[in-house]
PDB file of all heavy atoms in Angstrom:
ATOM      1  N   SER A   1       0.814  -1.204   0.000  1.00  0.00           N
ATOM      2  CA  SER A   1      -0.027   0.044   0.046  1.00  0.00           C
ATOM      3  C   SER A   1       0.841   1.187   0.018  1.00  0.00           C
ATOM      4  O   SER A   1       0.763   2.086   0.785  1.00  0.00           O
ATOM      5  CB  SER A   1      -0.978   0.010   1.203  1.00  0.00           C
ATOM      6  OG  SER A   1      -1.706  -1.119   1.220  1.00  0.00           O
ATOM      7  N   CYS A   2       1.807   1.306  -1.019  1.00  0.00           N
ATOM      8  CA  CYS A   2       2.900   2.280  -0.961  1.00  0.00           C
ATOM      9  C   CYS A   2       2.273   3.689  -0.890  1.00  0.00           C
ATOM     10  O   CYS A   2       1.486   4.052  -1.726  1.00  0.00           O
ATOM     11  CB  CYS A   2       3.638   2.137  -2.245  1.00  0.00           C
ATOM     12  SG  CYS A   2       4.987   3.236  -2.455  1.00  0.00           S
ATOM     13  N   THR A   3       2.761   4.398   0.084  1.00  0.00           N
ATOM     14  CA  THR A   3       2.098   5.759   0.464  1.00  0.00           C
ATOM     15  C   THR A   3       2.230   6.783  -0.576  1.00  0.00           C
ATOM     16  O   THR A   3       1.208   7.426  -1.063  1.00  0.00           O
ATOM     17  CB  THR A   3       2.661   6.384   1.764  1.00  0.00           C
ATOM     18  OG1 THR A   3       4.195   6.482   1.657  1.00  0.00           O
ATOM     19  CG2 THR A   3       2.338   5.522   3.005  1.00  0.00           C
ATOM     20  N   HIS A   4       3.402   6.842  -1.237  1.00  0.00           N
ATOM     21  CA  HIS A   4       3.566   7.869  -2.257  1.00  0.00           C
ATOM     22  C   HIS A   4       2.937   7.469  -3.614  1.00  0.00           C
ATOM     23  O   HIS A   4       2.580   8.422  -4.377  1.00  0.00           O
ATOM     24  CB  HIS A   4       5.033   8.269  -2.434  1.00  0.00           C
ATOM     25  CG  HIS A   4       6.022   7.189  -2.783  1.00  0.00           C
ATOM     26  ND1 HIS A   4       5.900   6.328  -3.815  1.00  0.00           N
ATOM     27  CD2 HIS A   4       7.187   6.788  -2.018  1.00  0.00           C
ATOM     28  CE1 HIS A   4       6.850   5.545  -3.784  1.00  0.00           C
ATOM     29  NE2 HIS A   4       7.655   5.729  -2.817  1.00  0.00           N
ATOM     30  N   VAL A   5       2.641   6.252  -3.924  1.00  0.00           N
ATOM     31  CA  VAL A   5       1.937   5.792  -4.998  1.00  0.00           C
ATOM     32  C   VAL A   5       0.374   6.000  -4.704  1.00  0.00           C
ATOM     33  O   VAL A   5      -0.352   6.604  -5.588  1.00  0.00           O
ATOM     34  CB  VAL A   5       2.165   4.411  -5.370  1.00  0.00           C
ATOM     35  CG1 VAL A   5       1.172   3.797  -6.395  1.00  0.00           C
ATOM     36  CG2 VAL A   5       3.529   4.226  -5.770  1.00  0.00           C
ATOM     37  N   TRP A   6      -0.139   5.612  -3.595  1.00  0.00           N
ATOM     38  CA  TRP A   6      -1.558   5.751  -3.265  1.00  0.00           C
ATOM     39  C   TRP A   6      -1.940   7.218  -3.016  1.00  0.00           C
ATOM     40  O   TRP A   6      -3.089   7.568  -2.849  1.00  0.00           O
ATOM     41  CB  TRP A   6      -1.900   4.787  -2.149  1.00  0.00           C
ATOM     42  CG  TRP A   6      -2.132   3.423  -2.625  1.00  0.00           C
ATOM     43  CD1 TRP A   6      -1.098   2.560  -2.927  1.00  0.00           C
ATOM     44  CD2 TRP A   6      -3.343   2.825  -3.003  1.00  0.00           C
ATOM     45  NE1 TRP A   6      -1.690   1.388  -3.432  1.00  0.00           N
ATOM     46  CE2 TRP A   6      -3.080   1.604  -3.572  1.00  0.00           C
ATOM     47  CE3 TRP A   6      -4.731   3.285  -3.076  1.00  0.00           C
ATOM     48  CZ2 TRP A   6      -4.024   0.714  -4.035  1.00  0.00           C
ATOM     49  CZ3 TRP A   6      -5.630   2.503  -3.546  1.00  0.00           C
ATOM     50  CH2 TRP A   6      -5.400   1.192  -4.011  1.00  0.00           C
ATOM     51  N   ASN A   7      -0.981   8.160  -2.783  1.00  0.00           N
ATOM     52  CA  ASN A   7      -1.271   9.522  -2.845  1.00  0.00           C
ATOM     53  C   ASN A   7      -1.965  10.053  -3.970  1.00  0.00           C
ATOM     54  O   ASN A   7      -2.760  10.990  -3.997  1.00  0.00           O
ATOM     55  CB  ASN A   7       0.033  10.443  -2.671  1.00  0.00           C
ATOM     56  CG  ASN A   7       0.641  10.631  -1.263  1.00  0.00           C
ATOM     57  OD1 ASN A   7      -0.023  10.235  -0.356  1.00  0.00           O
ATOM     58  ND2 ASN A   7       1.793  11.094  -1.178  1.00  0.00           N
ATOM     59  N   TYR A   8      -1.790   9.403  -5.138  1.00  0.00           N
ATOM     60  CA  TYR A   8      -2.410   9.774  -6.376  1.00  0.00           C
ATOM     61  C   TYR A   8      -3.763   9.193  -6.448  1.00  0.00           C
ATOM     62  O   TYR A   8      -4.526   9.532  -7.445  1.00  0.00           O
ATOM     63  CB  TYR A   8      -1.599   9.339  -7.568  1.00  0.00           C
ATOM     64  CG  TYR A   8      -0.150   9.918  -7.694  1.00  0.00           C
ATOM     65  CD1 TYR A   8       0.835   9.440  -6.873  1.00  0.00           C
ATOM     66  CD2 TYR A   8       0.076  10.946  -8.455  1.00  0.00           C
ATOM     67  CE1 TYR A   8       2.089  10.017  -6.880  1.00  0.00           C
ATOM     68  CE2 TYR A   8       1.319  11.606  -8.502  1.00  0.00           C
ATOM     69  CZ  TYR A   8       2.420  11.054  -7.675  1.00  0.00           C
ATOM     70  OH  TYR A   8       3.543  11.757  -7.884  1.00  0.00           O
ATOM     71  N   GLU A   9      -4.298   8.392  -5.681  1.00  0.00           N
ATOM     72  CA  GLU A   9      -5.651   7.788  -5.777  1.00  0.00           C
ATOM     73  C   GLU A   9      -6.642   8.477  -4.942  1.00  0.00           C
ATOM     74  O   GLU A   9      -6.539   8.551  -3.740  1.00  0.00           O
ATOM     75  CB  GLU A   9      -5.374   6.235  -5.414  1.00  0.00           C
ATOM     76  CG  GLU A   9      -6.681   5.474  -5.701  1.00  0.00           C
ATOM     77  CD  GLU A   9      -7.841   5.530  -4.594  1.00  0.00           C
ATOM     78  OE1 GLU A   9      -7.506   5.685  -3.319  1.00  0.00           O
ATOM     79  OE2 GLU A   9      -8.955   5.458  -4.998  1.00  0.00           O
ATOM     80  N   VAL A  10      -7.674   9.034  -5.572  1.00  0.00           N
ATOM     81  CA  VAL A  10      -8.713   9.672  -4.847  1.00  0.00           C
ATOM     82  C   VAL A  10      -9.998   9.265  -4.957  1.00  0.00           C
ATOM     83  O   VAL A  10     -11.035   9.878  -4.455  1.00  0.00           O
ATOM     84  CB  VAL A  10      -8.577  11.286  -5.123  1.00  0.00           C
ATOM     85  CG1 VAL A  10      -7.269  11.840  -4.649  1.00  0.00           C
ATOM     86  CG2 VAL A  10      -8.855  11.572  -6.623  1.00  0.00           C
ATOM     87  N   ALA A  11     -10.252   8.070  -5.631  1.00  0.00           N
ATOM     88  CA  ALA A  11     -11.565   7.543  -5.813  1.00  0.00           C
ATOM     89  C   ALA A  11     -12.130   7.008  -4.505  1.00  0.00           C
ATOM     90  O   ALA A  11     -13.319   7.171  -4.093  1.00  0.00           O
ATOM     91  CB  ALA A  11     -11.644   6.567  -6.906  1.00  0.00           C
ATOM     92  N   THR A  12     -11.437   6.222  -3.851  1.00  0.00           N
ATOM     93  CA  THR A  12     -11.842   5.474  -2.661  1.00  0.00           C
ATOM     94  C   THR A  12     -12.369   6.323  -1.573  1.00  0.00           C
ATOM     95  O   THR A  12     -13.476   6.086  -1.094  1.00  0.00           O
ATOM     96  CB  THR A  12     -10.623   4.545  -2.013  1.00  0.00           C
ATOM     97  OG1 THR A  12     -10.133   3.876  -3.114  1.00  0.00           O
ATOM     98  CG2 THR A  12     -11.138   3.677  -0.934  1.00  0.00           C
ATOM     99  N   PRO A  13     -11.784   7.479  -1.137  1.00  0.00           N
ATOM    100  CA  PRO A  13     -12.292   8.277  -0.162  1.00  0.00           C
ATOM    101  C   PRO A  13     -13.599   8.844  -0.469  1.00  0.00           C
ATOM    102  O   PRO A  13     -14.588   9.126   0.413  1.00  0.00           O
ATOM    103  CB  PRO A  13     -11.366   9.424   0.175  1.00  0.00           C
ATOM    104  CG  PRO A  13     -10.501   9.445  -1.087  1.00  0.00           C
ATOM    105  CD  PRO A  13     -10.501   8.021  -1.657  1.00  0.00           C
ATOM    106  N   PHE A  14     -13.919   9.250  -1.761  1.00  0.00           N
ATOM    107  CA  PHE A  14     -15.169   9.818  -2.229  1.00  0.00           C
ATOM    108  C   PHE A  14     -16.392   8.850  -2.372  1.00  0.00           C
ATOM    109  O   PHE A  14     -17.445   9.107  -2.172  1.00  0.00           O
ATOM    110  CB  PHE A  14     -14.962  10.628  -3.458  1.00  0.00           C
ATOM    111  CG  PHE A  14     -14.257  11.966  -3.200  1.00  0.00           C
ATOM    112  CD1 PHE A  14     -12.890  12.098  -3.283  1.00  0.00           C
ATOM    113  CD2 PHE A  14     -15.134  13.101  -2.944  1.00  0.00           C
ATOM    114  CE1 PHE A  14     -12.319  13.281  -3.046  1.00  0.00           C
ATOM    115  CE2 PHE A  14     -14.482  14.295  -2.585  1.00  0.00           C
ATOM    116  CZ  PHE A  14     -13.096  14.476  -2.773  1.00  0.00           C
ATOM    117  N   LEU A  15     -15.962   7.544  -2.744  1.00  0.00           N
ATOM    118  CA  LEU A  15     -16.891   6.534  -3.065  1.00  0.00           C
ATOM    119  C   LEU A  15     -17.082   5.558  -1.850  1.00  0.00           C
ATOM    120  O   LEU A  15     -18.229   5.051  -1.678  1.00  0.00           O
ATOM    121  CB  LEU A  15     -16.610   5.790  -4.353  1.00  0.00           C
ATOM    122  CG  LEU A  15     -16.556   6.709  -5.656  1.00  0.00           C
ATOM    123  CD1 LEU A  15     -16.258   5.820  -6.855  1.00  0.00           C
ATOM    124  CD2 LEU A  15     -18.005   7.353  -5.853  1.00  0.00           C
ATOM    125  N   PHE A  16     -15.996   5.184  -1.255  1.00  0.00           N
ATOM    126  CA  PHE A  16     -16.027   4.206  -0.163  1.00  0.00           C
ATOM    127  C   PHE A  16     -15.216   4.750   1.056  1.00  0.00           C
ATOM    128  O   PHE A  16     -14.108   4.234   1.411  1.00  0.00           O
ATOM    129  CB  PHE A  16     -15.424   2.874  -0.795  1.00  0.00           C
ATOM    130  CG  PHE A  16     -16.167   2.332  -1.991  1.00  0.00           C
ATOM    131  CD1 PHE A  16     -15.681   2.465  -3.188  1.00  0.00           C
ATOM    132  CD2 PHE A  16     -17.438   1.840  -1.864  1.00  0.00           C
ATOM    133  CE1 PHE A  16     -16.193   2.004  -4.341  1.00  0.00           C
ATOM    134  CE2 PHE A  16     -18.065   1.301  -2.956  1.00  0.00           C
ATOM    135  CZ  PHE A  16     -17.403   1.441  -4.210  1.00  0.00           C
ATOM    136  N   GLY A  17     -15.788   5.754   1.746  1.00  0.00           N
ATOM    137  CA  GLY A  17     -15.034   6.421   2.691  1.00  0.00           C
ATOM    138  C   GLY A  17     -14.464   5.709   3.832  1.00  0.00           C
ATOM    139  O   GLY A  17     -13.497   5.742   4.347  1.00  0.00           O
ATOM    140  N   GLU A  18     -15.382   4.654   4.228  1.00  0.00           N
ATOM    141  CA  GLU A  18     -14.942   3.882   5.372  1.00  0.00           C
ATOM    142  C   GLU A  18     -13.796   3.044   5.064  1.00  0.00           C
ATOM    143  O   GLU A  18     -12.981   2.722   5.892  1.00  0.00           O
ATOM    144  CB  GLU A  18     -16.124   2.949   5.756  1.00  0.00           C
ATOM    145  CG  GLU A  18     -17.332   3.741   6.426  1.00  0.00           C
ATOM    146  CD  GLU A  18     -16.894   4.564   7.661  1.00  0.00           C
ATOM    147  OE1 GLU A  18     -16.206   4.025   8.546  1.00  0.00           O
ATOM    148  OE2 GLU A  18     -17.230   5.847   7.630  1.00  0.00           O
ATOM    149  N   LEU A  19     -13.720   2.589   3.884  1.00  0.00           N
ATOM    150  CA  LEU A  19     -12.494   1.762   3.391  1.00  0.00           C
ATOM    151  C   LEU A  19     -11.260   2.652   3.450  1.00  0.00           C
ATOM    152  O   LEU A  19     -10.177   2.253   3.840  1.00  0.00           O
ATOM    153  CB  LEU A  19     -12.719   1.207   1.875  1.00  0.00           C
ATOM    154  CG  LEU A  19     -13.819   0.041   1.779  1.00  0.00           C
ATOM    155  CD1 LEU A  19     -13.858  -0.393   0.425  1.00  0.00           C
ATOM    156  CD2 LEU A  19     -13.328  -1.069   2.647  1.00  0.00           C
ATOM    157  N   ALA A  20     -11.400   3.854   2.876  1.00  0.00           N
ATOM    158  CA  ALA A  20     -10.314   4.778   2.909  1.00  0.00           C
ATOM    159  C   ALA A  20      -9.780   5.100   4.304  1.00  0.00           C
ATOM    160  O   ALA A  20      -8.515   5.008   4.544  1.00  0.00           O
ATOM    161  CB  ALA A  20     -10.648   6.151   2.310  1.00  0.00           C
ATOM    162  N   LYS A  21     -10.702   5.124   5.213  1.00  0.00           N
ATOM    163  CA  LYS A  21     -10.190   5.322   6.681  1.00  0.00           C
ATOM    164  C   LYS A  21      -9.386   4.124   7.140  1.00  0.00           C
ATOM    165  O   LYS A  21      -8.517   4.294   8.005  1.00  0.00           O
ATOM    166  CB  LYS A  21     -11.515   5.618   7.518  1.00  0.00           C
ATOM    167  CG  LYS A  21     -12.052   6.946   7.349  1.00  0.00           C
ATOM    168  CD  LYS A  21     -13.402   7.127   7.816  1.00  0.00           C
ATOM    169  CE  LYS A  21     -13.590   7.011   9.266  1.00  0.00           C
ATOM    170  NZ  LYS A  21     -15.055   7.387   9.627  1.00  0.00           N
ATOM    171  N   THR A  22      -9.753   2.862   6.646  1.00  0.00           N
ATOM    172  CA  THR A  22      -8.984   1.831   7.086  1.00  0.00           C
ATOM    173  C   THR A  22      -7.511   1.869   6.683  1.00  0.00           C
ATOM    174  O   THR A  22      -6.509   1.328   7.218  1.00  0.00           O
ATOM    175  CB  THR A  22      -9.495   0.471   6.735  1.00  0.00           C
ATOM    176  OG1 THR A  22      -9.395   0.285   5.259  1.00  0.00           O
ATOM    177  CG2 THR A  22     -11.118   0.370   7.029  1.00  0.00           C
ATOM    178  N   MET A  23      -7.377   2.487   5.400  1.00  0.00           N
ATOM    179  CA  MET A  23      -5.992   2.619   4.955  1.00  0.00           C
ATOM    180  C   MET A  23      -5.186   3.723   5.792  1.00  0.00           C
ATOM    181  O   MET A  23      -4.077   3.552   6.033  1.00  0.00           O
ATOM    182  CB  MET A  23      -5.997   3.236   3.401  1.00  0.00           C
ATOM    183  CG  MET A  23      -6.669   2.197   2.545  1.00  0.00           C
ATOM    184  SD  MET A  23      -6.453   2.585   0.759  1.00  0.00           S
ATOM    185  CE  MET A  23      -4.810   1.983   0.457  1.00  0.00           C
ATOM    186  N   ARG A  24      -5.978   4.710   6.269  1.00  0.00           N
ATOM    187  CA  ARG A  24      -5.327   5.677   7.133  1.00  0.00           C
ATOM    188  C   ARG A  24      -4.923   5.081   8.545  1.00  0.00           C
ATOM    189  O   ARG A  24      -3.811   5.256   9.061  1.00  0.00           O
ATOM    190  CB  ARG A  24      -6.216   6.885   7.478  1.00  0.00           C
ATOM    191  CG  ARG A  24      -6.831   7.580   6.181  1.00  0.00           C
ATOM    192  CD  ARG A  24      -5.716   8.410   5.481  1.00  0.00           C
ATOM    193  NE  ARG A  24      -5.119   7.526   4.526  1.00  0.00           N
ATOM    194  CZ  ARG A  24      -5.502   7.157   3.379  1.00  0.00           C
ATOM    195  NH1 ARG A  24      -6.747   7.433   2.878  1.00  0.00           N
ATOM    196  NH2 ARG A  24      -4.797   6.468   2.504  1.00  0.00           N
ATOM    197  N   ASP A  25      -5.669   4.045   8.895  1.00  0.00           N
ATOM    198  CA  ASP A  25      -5.364   3.326  10.179  1.00  0.00           C
ATOM    199  C   ASP A  25      -4.175   2.466   9.951  1.00  0.00           C
ATOM    200  O   ASP A  25      -3.258   2.553  10.808  1.00  0.00           O
ATOM    201  CB  ASP A  25      -6.592   2.401  10.464  1.00  0.00           C
ATOM    202  CG  ASP A  25      -6.475   1.801  11.789  1.00  0.00           C
ATOM    203  OD1 ASP A  25      -6.040   2.457  12.826  1.00  0.00           O
ATOM    204  OD2 ASP A  25      -6.729   0.529  11.924  1.00  0.00           O
ATOM    205  N   VAL A  26      -3.969   1.926   8.791  1.00  0.00           N
ATOM    206  CA  VAL A  26      -2.778   1.167   8.546  1.00  0.00           C
ATOM    207  C   VAL A  26      -1.481   2.052   8.573  1.00  0.00           C
ATOM    208  O   VAL A  26      -0.484   1.836   9.216  1.00  0.00           O
ATOM    209  CB  VAL A  26      -2.815   0.443   7.165  1.00  0.00           C
ATOM    210  CG1 VAL A  26      -1.412  -0.126   6.774  1.00  0.00           C
ATOM    211  CG2 VAL A  26      -3.762  -0.726   7.208  1.00  0.00           C
TER     212      VAL A  26
END
């Protein structure tokens, strides 16, 4: 879940916010 690569991905927080929050937890 490479942080600097996933910095470019913004679909998940807008469509599946709870899943995005699990990535922040990691």
